[in-house]
Protein backbone atom coordinates (compact mmCIF):
# COMPACT_ATOMS: atom_id res chain seq x y z
CA UNK A 1 0.00 0.00 0.00
CA UNK A 2 1.30 3.43 -0.90
CA UNK A 3 0.29 6.81 0.50
CA UNK A 4 1.09 10.23 -0.93
CA UNK A 5 2.20 12.79 1.63
CA UNK A 6 -0.13 15.83 1.36
CA UNK A 7 2.72 18.28 1.95
CA UNK A 8 4.94 16.98 -0.84
CA UNK A 9 4.98 14.63 -3.79
CA UNK A 10 6.68 11.93 -1.72
CA UNK A 11 5.09 8.51 -1.88
CA UNK A 12 5.54 6.30 1.17
CA UNK A 13 5.25 2.53 1.12
CA UNK A 14 3.36 1.38 4.23
CA UNK A 15 3.86 -1.83 6.21
CA UNK A 16 1.20 -4.54 6.08
CA UNK A 17 -0.38 -5.07 9.50
CA UNK A 18 -2.34 -8.09 10.69
CA UNK A 19 -4.29 -7.94 13.95
CA UNK A 20 -5.87 -11.03 15.49
CA UNK A 21 -8.35 -11.07 18.35
CA UNK A 22 -8.95 -14.12 20.53
CA UNK A 23 -12.12 -14.16 22.65
CA UNK A 24 -12.28 -16.24 25.84
CA UNK A 25 -16.01 -16.60 26.71
CA UNK A 26 -15.53 -18.02 30.21
CA UNK A 27 -13.25 -15.16 31.28
CA UNK A 28 -15.16 -12.70 29.03
CA UNK A 29 -11.89 -11.27 27.73
CA UNK A 30 -10.48 -10.53 24.30
CA UNK A 31 -6.75 -10.47 23.61
CA UNK A 32 -5.11 -8.88 20.58
CA UNK A 33 -1.93 -9.87 18.78
CA UNK A 34 -0.16 -7.97 16.01
CA UNK A 35 2.14 -8.95 13.14
CA UNK A 36 3.79 -6.20 11.10
CA UNK A 37 5.40 -6.91 7.74
CA UNK A 38 8.05 -4.43 6.71
CA UNK A 39 7.44 -2.66 3.38
CA UNK A 40 10.64 -4.29 2.11
CA UNK A 41 9.52 -7.87 2.96
CA UNK A 42 7.17 -10.15 1.05
CA UNK A 43 3.70 -10.22 2.63
CA UNK A 44 2.23 -13.69 3.31
CA UNK A 45 -1.29 -13.40 4.72
CA UNK A 46 -1.42 -16.82 6.43
CA UNK A 47 1.96 -16.33 8.10
CA UNK A 48 0.81 -12.94 9.45
CA UNK A 49 -2.43 -14.44 10.76
CA UNK A 50 -0.65 -17.33 12.47
CA UNK A 51 1.90 -15.00 14.05
CA UNK A 52 -0.76 -12.53 15.25
CA UNK A 53 -2.86 -15.32 16.82
CA UNK A 54 0.15 -16.82 18.62
CA UNK A 55 1.09 -13.38 19.93
CA UNK A 56 -2.49 -12.78 21.11
CA UNK A 57 -2.32 -16.02 23.10
CA UNK A 58 1.24 -15.72 24.44
CA UNK A 59 1.98 -11.97 24.71
CA UNK A 60 -1.06 -9.84 23.85
CA UNK A 61 -0.61 -6.28 22.66
CA UNK A 62 -3.92 -5.37 24.34
CA UNK A 63 -6.52 -7.10 26.50
CA UNK A 64 -10.17 -6.10 26.88
CA UNK A 65 -12.07 -7.34 29.94
CA UNK A 66 -15.84 -7.36 30.47
CA UNK A 67 -17.20 -7.36 26.94
CA UNK A 68 -20.92 -6.66 26.67
CA UNK A 69 -23.08 -9.45 25.36
CA UNK A 70 -23.64 -9.14 21.63
CA UNK A 71 -20.76 -6.65 21.22
CA UNK A 72 -17.91 -9.10 20.50
CA UNK A 73 -17.51 -8.24 16.81
CA UNK A 74 -17.87 -4.52 17.44
CA UNK A 75 -15.29 -4.65 20.25
CA UNK A 76 -12.87 -6.58 18.05
CA UNK A 77 -13.15 -4.12 15.14
CA UNK A 78 -12.87 -1.05 17.37
CA UNK A 79 -9.71 -2.19 19.13
CA UNK A 80 -8.12 -3.69 15.99
CA UNK A 81 -8.58 -0.38 14.15
CA UNK A 82 -7.05 1.52 17.08
CA UNK A 83 -4.01 -0.78 17.05
CA UNK A 84 -3.60 -0.41 13.27
CA UNK A 85 -3.89 3.39 13.50
CA UNK A 86 -1.21 3.42 16.21
CA UNK A 87 1.23 1.61 13.91
CA UNK A 88 0.34 3.65 10.82
CA UNK A 89 0.65 6.95 12.67
CA UNK A 90 4.40 6.41 12.62
CA UNK A 91 4.27 6.72 8.83
CA UNK A 92 1.40 9.10 8.02
CA UNK A 93 -1.40 11.05 9.64
CA UNK A 94 -4.35 8.71 10.33
CA UNK A 95 -7.00 11.45 10.33
CA UNK A 96 -9.10 9.90 7.57
PDB file of N, CA and C in Angstrom:
ATOM      1  N   UNK A   1       0.841  -1.169   0.000  1.00  0.00           N
ATOM      2  CA  UNK A   1       0.000   0.000   0.000  1.00  0.00           C
ATOM      3  C   UNK A   1       0.887   1.233   0.000  1.00  0.00           C
ATOM      4  N   UNK A   2       0.541   2.187  -0.802  1.00  0.00           N
ATOM      5  CA  UNK A   2       1.297   3.426  -0.905  1.00  0.00           C
ATOM      6  C   UNK A   2       0.410   4.599  -0.499  1.00  0.00           C
ATOM      7  N   UNK A   3       1.011   5.604   0.107  1.00  0.00           N
ATOM      8  CA  UNK A   3       0.288   6.807   0.498  1.00  0.00           C
ATOM      9  C   UNK A   3       1.106   8.007   0.052  1.00  0.00           C
ATOM     10  N   UNK A   4       0.431   8.996  -0.534  1.00  0.00           N
ATOM     11  CA  UNK A   4       1.090  10.232  -0.930  1.00  0.00           C
ATOM     12  C   UNK A   4       1.009  11.227   0.214  1.00  0.00           C
ATOM     13  N   UNK A   5       2.145  11.774   0.577  1.00  0.00           N
ATOM     14  CA  UNK A   5       2.204  12.792   1.625  1.00  0.00           C
ATOM     15  C   UNK A   5       1.550  14.066   1.086  1.00  0.00           C
ATOM     16  N   UNK A   6       0.606  14.643   1.818  1.00  0.00           N
ATOM     17  CA  UNK A   6      -0.128  15.833   1.361  1.00  0.00           C
ATOM     18  C   UNK A   6       0.778  17.052   1.209  1.00  0.00           C
ATOM     19  N   UNK A   7       1.851  17.113   1.969  1.00  0.00           N
ATOM     20  CA  UNK A   7       2.723  18.282   1.949  1.00  0.00           C
ATOM     21  C   UNK A   7       3.731  18.239   0.807  1.00  0.00           C
ATOM     22  N   UNK A   8       3.966  17.082   0.247  1.00  0.00           N
ATOM     23  CA  UNK A   8       4.937  16.975  -0.842  1.00  0.00           C
ATOM     24  C   UNK A   8       4.504  15.870  -1.797  1.00  0.00           C
ATOM     25  N   UNK A   9       5.302  15.663  -2.801  1.00  0.00           N
ATOM     26  CA  UNK A   9       4.980  14.630  -3.790  1.00  0.00           C
ATOM     27  C   UNK A   9       5.620  13.293  -3.417  1.00  0.00           C
ATOM     28  N   UNK A  10       6.021  13.155  -2.170  1.00  0.00           N
ATOM     29  CA  UNK A  10       6.677  11.926  -1.721  1.00  0.00           C
ATOM     30  C   UNK A  10       5.645  10.823  -1.533  1.00  0.00           C
ATOM     31  N   UNK A  11       5.964   9.669  -2.047  1.00  0.00           N
ATOM     32  CA  UNK A  11       5.086   8.513  -1.882  1.00  0.00           C
ATOM     33  C   UNK A  11       5.750   7.569  -0.890  1.00  0.00           C
ATOM     34  N   UNK A  12       5.004   7.183   0.138  1.00  0.00           N
ATOM     35  CA  UNK A  12       5.537   6.300   1.172  1.00  0.00           C
ATOM     36  C   UNK A  12       4.913   4.917   1.040  1.00  0.00           C
ATOM     37  N   UNK A  13       5.737   3.908   1.125  1.00  0.00           N
ATOM     38  CA  UNK A  13       5.246   2.534   1.122  1.00  0.00           C
ATOM     39  C   UNK A  13       4.977   2.139   2.578  1.00  0.00           C
ATOM     40  N   UNK A  14       3.766   1.694   2.868  1.00  0.00           N
ATOM     41  CA  UNK A  14       3.365   1.378   4.234  1.00  0.00           C
ATOM     42  C   UNK A  14       3.564  -0.100   4.546  1.00  0.00           C
ATOM     43  N   UNK A  15       3.760  -0.422   5.829  1.00  0.00           N
ATOM     44  CA  UNK A  15       3.857  -1.830   6.207  1.00  0.00           C
ATOM     45  C   UNK A  15       2.482  -2.487   6.150  1.00  0.00           C
ATOM     46  N   UNK A  16       2.455  -3.789   6.007  1.00  0.00           N
ATOM     47  CA  UNK A  16       1.199  -4.542   6.081  1.00  0.00           C
ATOM     48  C   UNK A  16       1.045  -4.989   7.531  1.00  0.00           C
ATOM     49  N   UNK A  17      -0.128  -4.775   8.092  1.00  0.00           N
ATOM     50  CA  UNK A  17      -0.376  -5.067   9.501  1.00  0.00           C
ATOM     51  C   UNK A  17      -1.524  -6.058   9.622  1.00  0.00           C
ATOM     52  N   UNK A  18      -1.293  -7.101  10.410  1.00  0.00           N
ATOM     53  CA  UNK A  18      -2.339  -8.087  10.685  1.00  0.00           C
ATOM     54  C   UNK A  18      -2.616  -8.076  12.178  1.00  0.00           C
ATOM     55  N   UNK A  19      -3.886  -7.925  12.540  1.00  0.00           N
ATOM     56  CA  UNK A  19      -4.294  -7.944  13.945  1.00  0.00           C
ATOM     57  C   UNK A  19      -5.244  -9.120  14.133  1.00  0.00           C
ATOM     58  N   UNK A  20      -4.996  -9.900  15.166  1.00  0.00           N
ATOM     59  CA  UNK A  20      -5.872 -11.031  15.491  1.00  0.00           C
ATOM     60  C   UNK A  20      -6.451 -10.820  16.881  1.00  0.00           C
ATOM     61  N   UNK A  21      -7.727 -11.124  17.027  1.00  0.00           N
ATOM     62  CA  UNK A  21      -8.351 -11.069  18.353  1.00  0.00           C
ATOM     63  C   UNK A  21      -8.788 -12.468  18.737  1.00  0.00           C
ATOM     64  N   UNK A  22      -8.569 -12.803  20.000  1.00  0.00           N
ATOM     65  CA  UNK A  22      -8.955 -14.118  20.527  1.00  0.00           C
ATOM     66  C   UNK A  22      -9.883 -13.864  21.715  1.00  0.00           C
ATOM     67  N   UNK A  23     -11.120 -14.359  21.599  1.00  0.00           N
ATOM     68  CA  UNK A  23     -12.120 -14.161  22.646  1.00  0.00           C
ATOM     69  C   UNK A  23     -12.190 -15.396  23.543  1.00  0.00           C
ATOM     70  N   UNK A  24     -12.147 -15.169  24.849  1.00  0.00           N
ATOM     71  CA  UNK A  24     -12.284 -16.239  25.844  1.00  0.00           C
ATOM     72  C   UNK A  24     -13.628 -16.040  26.535  1.00  0.00           C
ATOM     73  N   UNK A  25     -14.664 -16.833  26.164  1.00  0.00           N
ATOM     74  CA  UNK A  25     -16.005 -16.598  26.709  1.00  0.00           C
ATOM     75  C   UNK A  25     -16.130 -16.814  28.218  1.00  0.00           C
ATOM     76  N   UNK A  26     -15.409 -17.761  28.772  1.00  0.00           N
ATOM     77  CA  UNK A  26     -15.530 -18.019  30.209  1.00  0.00           C
ATOM     78  C   UNK A  26     -14.988 -16.842  31.012  1.00  0.00           C
ATOM     79  N   UNK A  27     -13.848 -16.309  30.592  1.00  0.00           N
ATOM     80  CA  UNK A  27     -13.251 -15.159  31.276  1.00  0.00           C
ATOM     81  C   UNK A  27     -13.836 -13.840  30.782  1.00  0.00           C
ATOM     82  N   UNK A  28     -14.582 -13.885  29.675  1.00  0.00           N
ATOM     83  CA  UNK A  28     -15.156 -12.705  29.031  1.00  0.00           C
ATOM     84  C   UNK A  28     -14.081 -11.658  28.740  1.00  0.00           C
ATOM     85  N   UNK A  29     -12.992 -12.139  28.104  1.00  0.00           N
ATOM     86  CA  UNK A  29     -11.892 -11.267  27.729  1.00  0.00           C
ATOM     87  C   UNK A  29     -11.562 -11.456  26.250  1.00  0.00           C
ATOM     88  N   UNK A  30     -10.945 -10.454  25.676  1.00  0.00           N
ATOM     89  CA  UNK A  30     -10.482 -10.526  24.302  1.00  0.00           C
ATOM     90  C   UNK A  30      -9.042 -10.023  24.288  1.00  0.00           C
ATOM     91  N   UNK A  31      -8.154 -10.834  23.696  1.00  0.00           N
ATOM     92  CA  UNK A  31      -6.747 -10.468  23.606  1.00  0.00           C
ATOM     93  C   UNK A  31      -6.382 -10.230  22.151  1.00  0.00           C
ATOM     94  N   UNK A  32      -5.494  -9.272  21.929  1.00  0.00           N
ATOM     95  CA  UNK A  32      -5.108  -8.878  20.581  1.00  0.00           C
ATOM     96  C   UNK A  32      -3.620  -9.110  20.353  1.00  0.00           C
ATOM     97  N   UNK A  33      -3.309  -9.683  19.196  1.00  0.00           N
ATOM     98  CA  UNK A  33      -1.930  -9.866  18.784  1.00  0.00           C
ATOM     99  C   UNK A  33      -1.709  -9.169  17.457  1.00  0.00           C
ATOM    100  N   UNK A  34      -0.475  -8.751  17.202  1.00  0.00           N
ATOM    101  CA  UNK A  34      -0.159  -7.974  16.008  1.00  0.00           C
ATOM    102  C   UNK A  34       1.054  -8.572  15.308  1.00  0.00           C
ATOM    103  N   UNK A  35       0.989  -8.589  13.976  1.00  0.00           N
ATOM    104  CA  UNK A  35       2.136  -8.947  13.139  1.00  0.00           C
ATOM    105  C   UNK A  35       2.308  -7.825  12.122  1.00  0.00           C
ATOM    106  N   UNK A  36       3.508  -7.294  12.023  1.00  0.00           N
ATOM    107  CA  UNK A  36       3.789  -6.200  11.101  1.00  0.00           C
ATOM    108  C   UNK A  36       4.835  -6.672  10.096  1.00  0.00           C
ATOM    109  N   UNK A  37       4.489  -6.544   8.821  1.00  0.00           N
ATOM    110  CA  UNK A  37       5.396  -6.912   7.741  1.00  0.00           C
ATOM    111  C   UNK A  37       6.034  -5.640   7.198  1.00  0.00           C
ATOM    112  N   UNK A  38       7.323  -5.590   7.222  1.00  0.00           N
ATOM    113  CA  UNK A  38       8.049  -4.428   6.715  1.00  0.00           C
ATOM    114  C   UNK A  38       7.715  -4.194   5.243  1.00  0.00           C
ATOM    115  N   UNK A  39       7.706  -2.944   4.797  1.00  0.00           N
ATOM    116  CA  UNK A  39       7.437  -2.659   3.378  1.00  0.00           C
ATOM    117  C   UNK A  39       8.434  -3.339   2.436  1.00  0.00           C
ATOM    118  N   UNK A  40       9.621  -3.653   2.942  1.00  0.00           N
ATOM    119  CA  UNK A  40      10.635  -4.288   2.108  1.00  0.00           C
ATOM    120  C   UNK A  40      10.480  -5.813   2.034  1.00  0.00           C
ATOM    121  N   UNK A  41       9.694  -6.411   2.931  1.00  0.00           N
ATOM    122  CA  UNK A  41       9.518  -7.868   2.956  1.00  0.00           C
ATOM    123  C   UNK A  41       8.324  -8.302   2.118  1.00  0.00           C
ATOM    124  N   UNK A  42       8.293  -9.573   1.782  1.00  0.00           N
ATOM    125  CA  UNK A  42       7.166 -10.148   1.052  1.00  0.00           C
ATOM    126  C   UNK A  42       6.051 -10.475   2.041  1.00  0.00           C
ATOM    127  N   UNK A  43       4.856  -9.989   1.758  1.00  0.00           N
ATOM    128  CA  UNK A  43       3.704 -10.220   2.630  1.00  0.00           C
ATOM    129  C   UNK A  43       3.095 -11.587   2.349  1.00  0.00           C
ATOM    130  N   UNK A  44       2.904 -12.391   3.409  1.00  0.00           N
ATOM    131  CA  UNK A  44       2.233 -13.690   3.312  1.00  0.00           C
ATOM    132  C   UNK A  44       1.111 -13.672   4.345  1.00  0.00           C
ATOM    133  N   UNK A  45      -0.123 -13.585   3.850  1.00  0.00           N
ATOM    134  CA  UNK A  45      -1.286 -13.400   4.720  1.00  0.00           C
ATOM    135  C   UNK A  45      -1.388 -14.484   5.809  1.00  0.00           C
ATOM    136  N   UNK A  46      -1.258 -15.738   5.452  1.00  0.00           N
ATOM    137  CA  UNK A  46      -1.419 -16.824   6.425  1.00  0.00           C
ATOM    138  C   UNK A  46      -0.344 -16.773   7.508  1.00  0.00           C
ATOM    139  N   UNK A  47       0.880 -16.451   7.120  1.00  0.00           N
ATOM    140  CA  UNK A  47       1.957 -16.328   8.103  1.00  0.00           C
ATOM    141  C   UNK A  47       1.641 -15.204   9.091  1.00  0.00           C
ATOM    142  N   UNK A  48       1.172 -14.063   8.587  1.00  0.00           N
ATOM    143  CA  UNK A  48       0.805 -12.943   9.447  1.00  0.00           C
ATOM    144  C   UNK A  48      -0.320 -13.298  10.407  1.00  0.00           C
ATOM    145  N   UNK A  49      -1.314 -14.024   9.898  1.00  0.00           N
ATOM    146  CA  UNK A  49      -2.428 -14.444  10.761  1.00  0.00           C
ATOM    147  C   UNK A  49      -1.948 -15.376  11.862  1.00  0.00           C
ATOM    148  N   UNK A  50      -1.151 -16.375  11.480  1.00  0.00           N
ATOM    149  CA  UNK A  50      -0.649 -17.328  12.470  1.00  0.00           C
ATOM    150  C   UNK A  50       0.194 -16.635  13.535  1.00  0.00           C
ATOM    151  N   UNK A  51       1.041 -15.724  13.117  1.00  0.00           N
ATOM    152  CA  UNK A  51       1.900 -15.000  14.048  1.00  0.00           C
ATOM    153  C   UNK A  51       1.071 -14.103  14.973  1.00  0.00           C
ATOM    154  N   UNK A  52       0.082 -13.407  14.429  1.00  0.00           N
ATOM    155  CA  UNK A  52      -0.759 -12.532  15.245  1.00  0.00           C
ATOM    156  C   UNK A  52      -1.570 -13.329  16.272  1.00  0.00           C
ATOM    157  N   UNK A  53      -2.097 -14.480  15.875  1.00  0.00           N
ATOM    158  CA  UNK A  53      -2.860 -15.320  16.815  1.00  0.00           C
ATOM    159  C   UNK A  53      -1.946 -15.835  17.925  1.00  0.00           C
ATOM    160  N   UNK A  54      -0.755 -16.310  17.574  1.00  0.00           N
ATOM    161  CA  UNK A  54       0.149 -16.820  18.615  1.00  0.00           C
ATOM    162  C   UNK A  54       0.561 -15.707  19.574  1.00  0.00           C
ATOM    163  N   UNK A  55       0.753 -14.505  19.048  1.00  0.00           N
ATOM    164  CA  UNK A  55       1.092 -13.378  19.927  1.00  0.00           C
ATOM    165  C   UNK A  55      -0.079 -12.981  20.815  1.00  0.00           C
ATOM    166  N   UNK A  56      -1.302 -13.087  20.293  1.00  0.00           N
ATOM    167  CA  UNK A  56      -2.486 -12.781  21.112  1.00  0.00           C
ATOM    168  C   UNK A  56      -2.587 -13.754  22.287  1.00  0.00           C
ATOM    169  N   UNK A  57      -2.231 -14.999  22.051  1.00  0.00           N
ATOM    170  CA  UNK A  57      -2.317 -16.017  23.101  1.00  0.00           C
ATOM    171  C   UNK A  57      -1.157 -15.933  24.087  1.00  0.00           C
ATOM    172  N   UNK A  58       0.051 -15.661  23.593  1.00  0.00           N
ATOM    173  CA  UNK A  58       1.245 -15.717  24.440  1.00  0.00           C
ATOM    174  C   UNK A  58       1.637 -14.362  25.039  1.00  0.00           C
ATOM    175  N   UNK A  59       1.559 -13.302  24.244  1.00  0.00           N
ATOM    176  CA  UNK A  59       1.980 -11.971  24.706  1.00  0.00           C
ATOM    177  C   UNK A  59       1.097 -10.918  24.040  1.00  0.00           C
ATOM    178  N   UNK A  60      -0.127 -10.763  24.519  1.00  0.00           N
ATOM    179  CA  UNK A  60      -1.065  -9.843  23.852  1.00  0.00           C
ATOM    180  C   UNK A  60      -0.613  -8.391  23.871  1.00  0.00           C
ATOM    181  N   UNK A  61      -0.895  -7.707  22.774  1.00  0.00           N
ATOM    182  CA  UNK A  61      -0.609  -6.277  22.662  1.00  0.00           C
ATOM    183  C   UNK A  61      -1.622  -5.478  23.477  1.00  0.00           C
ATOM    184  N   UNK A  62      -2.852  -6.006  23.565  1.00  0.00           N
ATOM    185  CA  UNK A  62      -3.916  -5.367  24.345  1.00  0.00           C
ATOM    186  C   UNK A  62      -4.880  -6.448  24.826  1.00  0.00           C
ATOM    187  N   UNK A  63      -5.518  -6.185  25.951  1.00  0.00           N
ATOM    188  CA  UNK A  63      -6.522  -7.103  26.502  1.00  0.00           C
ATOM    189  C   UNK A  63      -7.737  -6.285  26.922  1.00  0.00           C
ATOM    190  N   UNK A  64      -8.917  -6.759  26.511  1.00  0.00           N
ATOM    191  CA  UNK A  64     -10.170  -6.097  26.881  1.00  0.00           C
ATOM    192  C   UNK A  64     -10.926  -7.044  27.802  1.00  0.00           C
ATOM    193  N   UNK A  65     -11.370  -6.535  28.935  1.00  0.00           N
ATOM    194  CA  UNK A  65     -12.072  -7.339  29.935  1.00  0.00           C
ATOM    195  C   UNK A  65     -13.503  -6.829  30.061  1.00  0.00           C
ATOM    196  N   UNK A  66     -14.454  -7.743  30.230  1.00  0.00           N
ATOM    197  CA  UNK A  66     -15.842  -7.363  30.469  1.00  0.00           C
ATOM    198  C   UNK A  66     -16.560  -6.897  29.220  1.00  0.00           C
ATOM    199  N   UNK A  67     -16.562  -7.717  28.203  1.00  0.00           N
ATOM    200  CA  UNK A  67     -17.201  -7.357  26.935  1.00  0.00           C
ATOM    201  C   UNK A  67     -18.708  -7.554  27.063  1.00  0.00           C
ATOM    202  N   UNK A  68     -19.469  -6.581  26.594  1.00  0.00           N
ATOM    203  CA  UNK A  68     -20.923  -6.655  26.672  1.00  0.00           C
ATOM    204  C   UNK A  68     -21.449  -7.729  25.734  1.00  0.00           C
ATOM    205  N   UNK A  69     -22.464  -8.389  26.159  1.00  0.00           N
ATOM    206  CA  UNK A  69     -23.077  -9.448  25.360  1.00  0.00           C
ATOM    207  C   UNK A  69     -23.564  -8.888  24.023  1.00  0.00           C
ATOM    208  N   UNK A  70     -23.239  -9.563  22.953  1.00  0.00           N
ATOM    209  CA  UNK A  70     -23.640  -9.138  21.627  1.00  0.00           C
ATOM    210  C   UNK A  70     -22.732  -8.068  21.019  1.00  0.00           C
ATOM    211  N   UNK A  71     -21.661  -7.697  21.698  1.00  0.00           N
ATOM    212  CA  UNK A  71     -20.756  -6.647  21.216  1.00  0.00           C
ATOM    213  C   UNK A  71     -19.356  -7.191  20.911  1.00  0.00           C
ATOM    214  N   UNK A  72     -19.222  -8.489  20.719  1.00  0.00           N
ATOM    215  CA  UNK A  72     -17.910  -9.097  20.502  1.00  0.00           C
ATOM    216  C   UNK A  72     -17.298  -8.606  19.197  1.00  0.00           C
ATOM    217  N   UNK A  73     -18.038  -8.667  18.111  1.00  0.00           N
ATOM    218  CA  UNK A  73     -17.509  -8.239  16.812  1.00  0.00           C
ATOM    219  C   UNK A  73     -17.182  -6.749  16.823  1.00  0.00           C
ATOM    220  N   UNK A  74     -18.078  -5.958  17.368  1.00  0.00           N
ATOM    221  CA  UNK A  74     -17.869  -4.515  17.440  1.00  0.00           C
ATOM    222  C   UNK A  74     -16.628  -4.173  18.271  1.00  0.00           C
ATOM    223  N   UNK A  75     -16.458  -4.861  19.393  1.00  0.00           N
ATOM    224  CA  UNK A  75     -15.290  -4.646  20.249  1.00  0.00           C
ATOM    225  C   UNK A  75     -14.006  -5.016  19.516  1.00  0.00           C
ATOM    226  N   UNK A  76     -14.039  -6.126  18.804  1.00  0.00           N
ATOM    227  CA  UNK A  76     -12.868  -6.577  18.051  1.00  0.00           C
ATOM    228  C   UNK A  76     -12.473  -5.553  16.985  1.00  0.00           C
ATOM    229  N   UNK A  77     -13.439  -5.100  16.202  1.00  0.00           N
ATOM    230  CA  UNK A  77     -13.155  -4.121  15.143  1.00  0.00           C
ATOM    231  C   UNK A  77     -12.622  -2.812  15.714  1.00  0.00           C
ATOM    232  N   UNK A  78     -13.259  -2.335  16.766  1.00  0.00           N
ATOM    233  CA  UNK A  78     -12.871  -1.051  17.368  1.00  0.00           C
ATOM    234  C   UNK A  78     -11.420  -1.082  17.842  1.00  0.00           C
ATOM    235  N   UNK A  79     -11.057  -2.115  18.577  1.00  0.00           N
ATOM    236  CA  UNK A  79      -9.710  -2.189  19.131  1.00  0.00           C
ATOM    237  C   UNK A  79      -8.674  -2.539  18.059  1.00  0.00           C
ATOM    238  N   UNK A  80      -9.040  -3.364  17.086  1.00  0.00           N
ATOM    239  CA  UNK A  80      -8.120  -3.690  15.994  1.00  0.00           C
ATOM    240  C   UNK A  80      -7.802  -2.436  15.186  1.00  0.00           C
ATOM    241  N   UNK A  81      -8.809  -1.631  14.887  1.00  0.00           N
ATOM    242  CA  UNK A  81      -8.576  -0.375  14.152  1.00  0.00           C
ATOM    243  C   UNK A  81      -7.697   0.583  14.941  1.00  0.00           C
ATOM    244  N   UNK A  82      -7.885   0.645  16.243  1.00  0.00           N
ATOM    245  CA  UNK A  82      -7.050   1.519  17.078  1.00  0.00           C
ATOM    246  C   UNK A  82      -5.594   1.058  17.055  1.00  0.00           C
ATOM    247  N   UNK A  83      -5.371  -0.240  17.097  1.00  0.00           N
ATOM    248  CA  UNK A  83      -4.010  -0.778  17.048  1.00  0.00           C
ATOM    249  C   UNK A  83      -3.373  -0.475  15.694  1.00  0.00           C
ATOM    250  N   UNK A  84      -4.112  -0.689  14.617  1.00  0.00           N
ATOM    251  CA  UNK A  84      -3.596  -0.408  13.275  1.00  0.00           C
ATOM    252  C   UNK A  84      -3.256   1.076  13.131  1.00  0.00           C
ATOM    253  N   UNK A  85      -4.142   1.946  13.586  1.00  0.00           N
ATOM    254  CA  UNK A  85      -3.888   3.386  13.503  1.00  0.00           C
ATOM    255  C   UNK A  85      -2.655   3.795  14.293  1.00  0.00           C
ATOM    256  N   UNK A  86      -2.409   3.137  15.413  1.00  0.00           N
ATOM    257  CA  UNK A  86      -1.213   3.424  16.205  1.00  0.00           C
ATOM    258  C   UNK A  86       0.045   3.119  15.398  1.00  0.00           C
ATOM    259  N   UNK A  87       0.061   1.973  14.723  1.00  0.00           N
ATOM    260  CA  UNK A  87       1.227   1.611  13.912  1.00  0.00           C
ATOM    261  C   UNK A  87       1.374   2.529  12.700  1.00  0.00           C
ATOM    262  N   UNK A  88       0.274   2.827  12.021  1.00  0.00           N
ATOM    263  CA  UNK A  88       0.342   3.649  10.817  1.00  0.00           C
ATOM    264  C   UNK A  88       0.668   5.105  11.128  1.00  0.00           C
ATOM    265  N   UNK A  89       0.367   5.553  12.329  1.00  0.00           N
ATOM    266  CA  UNK A  89       0.648   6.951  12.674  1.00  0.00           C
ATOM    267  C   UNK A  89       2.136   7.251  12.659  1.00  0.00           C
ATOM    268  N   UNK A  90       2.964   6.222  12.714  1.00  0.00           N
ATOM    269  CA  UNK A  90       4.403   6.414  12.618  1.00  0.00           C
ATOM    270  C   UNK A  90       4.818   6.796  11.206  1.00  0.00           C
ATOM    271  N   UNK A  91       3.950   6.485  10.229  1.00  0.00           N
ATOM    272  CA  UNK A  91       4.271   6.716   8.827  1.00  0.00           C
ATOM    273  C   UNK A  91       3.516   7.909   8.233  1.00  0.00           C
ATOM    274  N   UNK A  92       2.227   8.028   8.560  1.00  0.00           N
ATOM    275  CA  UNK A  92       1.396   9.096   8.017  1.00  0.00           C
ATOM    276  C   UNK A  92       0.352   9.507   9.046  1.00  0.00           C
ATOM    277  N   UNK A  93      -0.295  10.623   8.797  1.00  0.00           N
ATOM    278  CA  UNK A  93      -1.401  11.051   9.635  1.00  0.00           C
ATOM    279  C   UNK A  93      -2.579  10.101   9.393  1.00  0.00           C
ATOM    280  N   UNK A  94      -3.228   9.652  10.462  1.00  0.00           N
ATOM    281  CA  UNK A  94      -4.351   8.714  10.329  1.00  0.00           C
ATOM    282  C   UNK A  94      -5.687   9.406  10.516  1.00  0.00           C
ATOM    283  N   UNK A  95      -5.749  10.686  10.199  1.00  0.00           N
ATOM    284  CA  UNK A  95      -6.997  11.447  10.326  1.00  0.00           C
ATOM    285  C   UNK A  95      -7.828  11.307   9.052  1.00  0.00           C
ATOM    286  N   UNK A  96      -8.274  10.100   8.766  1.00  0.00           N
ATOM    287  CA  UNK A  96      -9.097   9.901   7.571  1.00  0.00           C
ATOM    288  C   UNK A  96     -10.326   9.137   7.903  1.00  0.00           C
TER     289      UNK A  96
END
